[in-house]
């Protein structure tokens, strides 16, 4: 995809006592950019070891040629599209953790390929950052995508849209699944029951509820925004009912949409779990 080719975000962990992150200011962005586009970087010999002990020389040459090619077709390309992109990089330092996030601004991520930016540009960026003395590790941060729409057939068959368990009537009906996590948004359409009324959160069992038959509010009775617990419970047994009564097929229906939920809330509104559940 375009996002994968242009490396929209890179996380850099600096070594201890790095000179690039001192105090509460970061003014080295221009220095890094100048280095990435300098003759100094191009003239260095970059190579990595691949292969085995019987073909060391050949392996080194292959690796070195690979990186030289990445530079020639990336930051040193004649059309300078990569240089233009690198000059637009966004630098976000974290002084407490000694780290730096380098990203491509959102408004140009989708147009990078249209501007002639190639995958070699991303390799050039990684190569230049990796040879800085202050840098200990580099990690590409790929966008997180929720793909619950595929969960049912992945679990049941591994073949797209084939759900043999459902074909046999096995969808979790008459079963109660226990789960403990950060909380559940009981007003979410995948759990909401407008017919019975508010869910009791004092750990009492109410099998008349459409989905959440038991809620133990050990920590609290809510989930944080875009909460992990709501996601997990929905993946297990969520079933859409837009009006809280009449169920319909939803993109995020769980793998056992006929089942009901007994939930133990062990998370607070700050996204943290309460560690002393059994104290």
Protein backbone atom coordinates (compact mmCIF):
# COMPACT_ATOMS: atom_id res chain seq x y z
CA UNK A 1 0.00 0.00 0.00
CA UNK A 2 1.03 3.64 -0.28
CA UNK A 3 1.35 3.93 3.49
CA UNK A 4 3.66 0.92 3.75
CA UNK A 5 5.90 2.17 0.92
CA UNK A 6 6.44 5.62 2.38
CA UNK A 7 6.90 4.64 6.05
CA UNK A 8 4.46 7.21 7.49
CA UNK A 9 5.85 6.93 11.03
CA UNK A 10 9.18 5.83 12.54
CA UNK A 11 9.88 5.51 16.28
CA UNK A 12 13.48 6.17 17.36
CA UNK A 13 14.91 5.23 20.75
CA UNK A 14 18.01 7.24 21.61
CA UNK A 15 20.94 5.88 23.57
CA UNK A 16 21.46 7.11 27.11
CA UNK A 17 22.93 10.59 27.43
CA UNK A 18 22.15 11.35 23.80
CA UNK A 19 23.14 14.87 22.81
CA UNK A 20 20.12 15.15 20.51
CA UNK A 21 17.59 15.18 23.34
CA UNK A 22 18.90 17.41 26.08
CA UNK A 23 16.77 19.64 28.28
CA UNK A 24 13.28 20.36 27.04
CA UNK A 25 14.01 21.52 23.54
CA UNK A 26 14.67 19.73 20.28
CA UNK A 27 16.40 21.77 17.61
CA UNK A 28 18.23 19.00 15.76
CA UNK A 29 15.57 18.28 13.14
CA UNK A 30 17.36 20.42 10.57
CA UNK A 31 20.68 18.71 11.37
CA UNK A 32 19.15 15.28 10.83
CA UNK A 33 17.54 16.35 7.57
CA UNK A 34 20.81 17.90 6.36
CA UNK A 35 22.66 14.68 7.16
CA UNK A 36 20.08 12.52 5.36
CA UNK A 37 20.54 14.57 2.20
CA UNK A 38 24.30 15.12 2.45
CA UNK A 39 27.21 13.78 0.45
CA UNK A 40 28.70 12.58 3.74
CA UNK A 41 26.03 9.91 4.13
CA UNK A 42 26.26 8.91 0.48
CA UNK A 43 30.02 8.40 0.69
CA UNK A 44 29.88 6.12 3.72
CA UNK A 45 30.10 2.37 3.25
CA UNK A 46 26.88 0.76 4.47
CA UNK A 47 26.47 -2.96 4.62
CA UNK A 48 24.77 -5.68 6.64
CA UNK A 49 25.76 -9.29 7.09
CA UNK A 50 23.51 -11.86 5.47
CA UNK A 51 24.09 -15.46 4.47
CA UNK A 52 26.35 -17.94 6.24
CA UNK A 53 30.02 -18.43 7.05
CA UNK A 54 30.76 -19.99 3.64
CA UNK A 55 29.87 -16.94 1.54
CA UNK A 56 30.71 -13.92 3.71
CA UNK A 57 32.34 -11.83 0.98
CA UNK A 58 29.52 -12.46 -1.49
CA UNK A 59 26.89 -11.69 1.13
CA UNK A 60 28.53 -8.43 2.15
CA UNK A 61 28.73 -7.31 -1.48
CA UNK A 62 25.06 -8.12 -2.09
CA UNK A 63 24.01 -6.22 1.02
CA UNK A 64 26.21 -3.22 0.25
CA UNK A 65 24.94 -3.05 -3.34
CA UNK A 66 21.39 -3.18 -2.01
CA UNK A 67 21.86 -0.14 0.20
CA UNK A 68 23.82 1.78 -2.43
CA UNK A 69 20.93 1.19 -4.82
CA UNK A 70 18.47 2.36 -2.16
CA UNK A 71 20.40 5.63 -1.82
CA UNK A 72 20.72 6.17 -5.56
CA UNK A 73 17.01 5.65 -6.13
CA UNK A 74 15.90 7.30 -2.91
CA UNK A 75 17.41 10.38 -1.32
CA UNK A 76 19.92 10.84 -4.15
CA UNK A 77 17.45 10.36 -7.00
CA UNK A 78 17.75 12.95 -9.75
CA UNK A 79 14.14 14.13 -9.48
CA UNK A 80 14.67 15.04 -5.78
CA UNK A 81 11.13 13.92 -4.88
CA UNK A 82 12.51 12.03 -1.89
CA UNK A 83 14.48 15.05 -0.67
CA UNK A 84 11.37 17.15 -0.90
CA UNK A 85 9.45 14.62 1.18
CA UNK A 86 12.20 14.37 3.82
CA UNK A 87 12.15 18.15 4.20
CA UNK A 88 8.47 17.87 5.16
CA UNK A 89 9.10 15.35 7.96
CA UNK A 90 7.45 15.99 11.33
CA UNK A 91 9.60 15.48 14.46
CA UNK A 92 7.92 14.78 17.82
CA UNK A 93 10.37 14.32 20.74
CA UNK A 94 9.54 12.65 24.03
CA UNK A 95 12.06 14.00 26.53
CA UNK A 96 10.92 11.77 29.40
CA UNK A 97 11.46 8.56 27.44
CA UNK A 98 14.41 9.73 25.37
CA UNK A 99 12.70 8.98 22.10
CA UNK A 100 11.68 10.66 18.89
CA UNK A 101 8.85 9.98 16.46
CA UNK A 102 9.45 10.95 12.84
CA UNK A 103 6.39 10.99 10.62
CA UNK A 104 5.09 12.21 7.31
CA UNK A 105 2.34 14.82 7.79
CA UNK A 106 -1.16 13.44 7.22
CA UNK A 107 -1.90 15.86 4.41
CA UNK A 108 0.82 14.43 2.17
CA UNK A 109 0.86 10.72 3.11
CA UNK A 110 -1.77 9.88 0.52
CA UNK A 111 -0.04 11.87 -2.24
CA UNK A 112 3.52 10.64 -1.73
CA UNK A 113 3.42 8.17 -4.62
CA UNK A 114 1.81 10.76 -6.88
CA UNK A 115 4.83 12.97 -6.22
CA UNK A 116 7.14 10.21 -7.44
CA UNK A 117 8.32 9.02 -4.03
CA UNK A 118 9.52 5.40 -4.16
CA UNK A 119 10.03 2.71 -1.49
CA UNK A 120 13.75 3.43 -1.70
CA UNK A 121 13.03 6.82 -0.14
CA UNK A 122 11.82 5.06 3.01
CA UNK A 123 14.92 2.88 3.00
CA UNK A 124 17.09 5.97 2.65
CA UNK A 125 15.39 7.50 5.66
CA UNK A 126 15.93 4.39 7.78
CA UNK A 127 19.52 4.08 6.61
CA UNK A 128 20.38 7.66 7.47
CA UNK A 129 18.77 7.49 10.91
CA UNK A 130 20.42 4.17 11.73
CA UNK A 131 23.98 5.47 11.34
CA UNK A 132 23.51 8.36 13.77
CA UNK A 133 25.63 7.67 16.84
CA UNK A 134 22.83 8.70 19.20
CA UNK A 135 20.32 6.18 17.82
CA UNK A 136 20.02 2.78 19.53
CA UNK A 137 16.89 1.32 17.92
CA UNK A 138 14.47 2.17 15.13
CA UNK A 139 10.97 0.80 14.77
CA UNK A 140 8.51 1.33 11.92
CA UNK A 141 5.08 2.17 13.33
CA UNK A 142 2.46 0.75 11.00
CA UNK A 143 -1.13 2.00 11.16
CA UNK A 144 -3.40 -0.18 13.30
CA UNK A 145 -6.47 -1.43 11.50
CA UNK A 146 -9.48 -3.08 13.12
CA UNK A 147 -10.43 -6.11 11.05
CA UNK A 148 -13.12 -7.74 13.20
CA UNK A 149 -15.24 -8.11 10.09
CA UNK A 150 -12.99 -11.07 9.21
CA UNK A 151 -12.88 -12.72 12.63
CA UNK A 152 -15.78 -15.16 12.17
CA UNK A 153 -14.58 -16.90 9.03
CA UNK A 154 -10.93 -16.80 10.11
CA UNK A 155 -11.80 -18.75 13.27
CA UNK A 156 -14.22 -21.16 11.63
CA UNK A 157 -12.59 -22.09 8.34
CA UNK A 158 -9.80 -19.77 7.29
CA UNK A 159 -11.67 -19.39 4.00
CA UNK A 160 -13.20 -16.00 3.30
CA UNK A 161 -16.90 -15.76 4.19
CA UNK A 162 -17.23 -19.50 4.90
CA UNK A 163 -18.71 -20.13 8.38
CA UNK A 164 -19.36 -23.87 8.77
CA UNK A 165 -20.12 -23.58 12.51
CA UNK A 166 -22.93 -21.14 11.83
CA UNK A 167 -24.20 -23.38 9.02
CA UNK A 168 -24.61 -26.13 11.63
CA UNK A 169 -26.38 -23.81 14.07
CA UNK A 170 -23.39 -23.36 16.40
CA UNK A 171 -23.35 -19.65 17.22
CA UNK A 172 -23.13 -19.60 21.02
CA UNK A 173 -26.88 -19.63 21.69
CA UNK A 174 -27.74 -20.72 25.28
CA UNK A 175 -24.12 -20.19 26.37
CA UNK A 176 -22.71 -17.59 28.78
CA UNK A 177 -19.11 -16.48 28.31
CA UNK A 178 -17.12 -15.05 31.22
CA UNK A 179 -14.66 -12.26 30.49
CA UNK A 180 -12.61 -9.82 32.57
CA UNK A 181 -11.13 -6.67 31.07
CA UNK A 182 -11.16 -2.87 31.23
CA UNK A 183 -14.94 -2.61 31.06
CA UNK A 184 -17.82 -2.80 28.57
CA UNK A 185 -19.74 0.05 26.99
CA UNK A 186 -23.17 -1.42 27.70
CA UNK A 187 -24.82 1.30 25.59
CA UNK A 188 -22.94 0.13 22.52
CA UNK A 189 -25.38 -1.32 19.96
CA UNK A 190 -23.61 -4.70 20.15
CA UNK A 191 -24.56 -5.02 23.86
CA UNK A 192 -27.45 -2.60 24.42
CA UNK A 193 -30.80 -3.90 25.65
CA UNK A 194 -33.50 -1.22 25.51
CA UNK A 195 -36.29 -3.67 26.36
CA UNK A 196 -35.21 -4.82 29.82
CA UNK A 197 -33.67 -1.57 30.99
CA UNK A 198 -30.30 -0.62 32.56
CA UNK A 199 -27.88 -3.44 33.25
CA UNK A 200 -27.39 -4.23 36.92
CA UNK A 201 -23.72 -3.73 37.82
CA UNK A 202 -23.79 -5.26 41.31
CA UNK A 203 -22.86 -8.75 40.09
CA UNK A 204 -26.42 -10.10 40.09
CA UNK A 205 -27.36 -12.52 37.32
CA UNK A 206 -30.17 -11.49 34.97
CA UNK A 207 -30.65 -13.99 32.15
CA UNK A 208 -33.39 -11.84 30.63
CA UNK A 209 -30.86 -9.30 29.37
CA UNK A 210 -30.21 -9.48 25.63
CA UNK A 211 -26.40 -9.70 25.97
CA UNK A 212 -24.85 -8.70 29.33
CA UNK A 213 -26.43 -10.97 31.94
CA UNK A 214 -23.92 -10.21 34.72
CA UNK A 215 -21.64 -7.22 35.34
CA UNK A 216 -19.30 -7.14 38.32
CA UNK A 217 -18.19 -3.51 38.71
CA UNK A 218 -15.06 -4.40 40.67
CA UNK A 219 -13.16 -1.35 39.41
CA UNK A 220 -15.96 0.73 37.92
CA UNK A 221 -18.93 0.19 35.61
CA UNK A 222 -17.64 1.83 32.46
CA UNK A 223 -15.02 1.48 29.77
CA UNK A 224 -12.75 4.23 28.45
CA UNK A 225 -13.29 5.65 24.96
CA UNK A 226 -12.49 3.04 22.30
CA UNK A 227 -11.90 0.68 25.20
CA UNK A 228 -10.06 -2.63 25.06
CA UNK A 229 -12.70 -4.48 27.08
CA UNK A 230 -15.53 -3.44 24.76
CA UNK A 231 -13.46 -4.55 21.79
CA UNK A 232 -12.63 -7.94 23.32
CA UNK A 233 -16.17 -8.66 24.48
CA UNK A 234 -17.50 -7.59 21.10
CA UNK A 235 -15.06 -9.87 19.33
CA UNK A 236 -16.27 -12.78 21.46
CA UNK A 237 -20.04 -12.35 21.31
CA UNK A 238 -21.15 -8.92 20.17
CA UNK A 239 -24.44 -8.83 18.24
CA UNK A 240 -25.79 -5.67 16.67
CA UNK A 241 -29.23 -4.34 17.65
CA UNK A 242 -29.51 -0.73 16.56
CA UNK A 243 -32.64 -0.17 18.65
CA UNK A 244 -31.51 -2.40 21.51
CA UNK A 245 -34.19 -4.99 20.67
CA UNK A 246 -34.21 -6.19 17.07
CA UNK A 247 -30.95 -7.85 16.13
CA UNK A 248 -29.43 -7.58 12.67
CA UNK A 249 -26.20 -8.56 10.98
CA UNK A 250 -23.37 -6.21 11.96
CA UNK A 251 -19.88 -5.81 10.52
CA UNK A 252 -18.39 -6.34 13.99
CA UNK A 253 -20.57 -9.27 15.16
CA UNK A 254 -18.54 -11.59 17.37
CA UNK A 255 -17.43 -15.16 16.77
CA UNK A 256 -20.24 -16.43 19.04
CA UNK A 257 -22.97 -13.80 18.49
CA UNK A 258 -25.70 -15.93 20.07
CA UNK A 259 -23.92 -16.12 23.44
CA UNK A 260 -24.41 -13.85 26.46
CA UNK A 261 -21.81 -12.17 28.65
CA UNK A 262 -20.80 -12.34 32.31
CA UNK A 263 -18.27 -9.58 32.80
CA UNK A 264 -15.77 -8.62 35.52
CA UNK A 265 -14.67 -4.98 35.19
CA UNK A 266 -11.03 -4.68 36.32
CA UNK A 267 -10.11 -1.46 34.50
CA UNK A 268 -10.45 2.20 35.41
CA UNK A 269 -11.22 5.17 33.20
CA UNK A 270 -7.50 5.81 32.73
CA UNK A 271 -7.03 2.63 30.67
CA UNK A 272 -5.29 0.81 33.52
CA UNK A 273 -6.11 -2.60 35.01
CA UNK A 274 -6.68 -3.00 38.74
CA UNK A 275 -3.91 -5.41 39.67
CA UNK A 276 -5.27 -6.52 43.07
CA UNK A 277 -8.39 -8.32 41.89
CA UNK A 278 -7.95 -11.25 44.29
CA UNK A 279 -6.47 -9.33 47.24
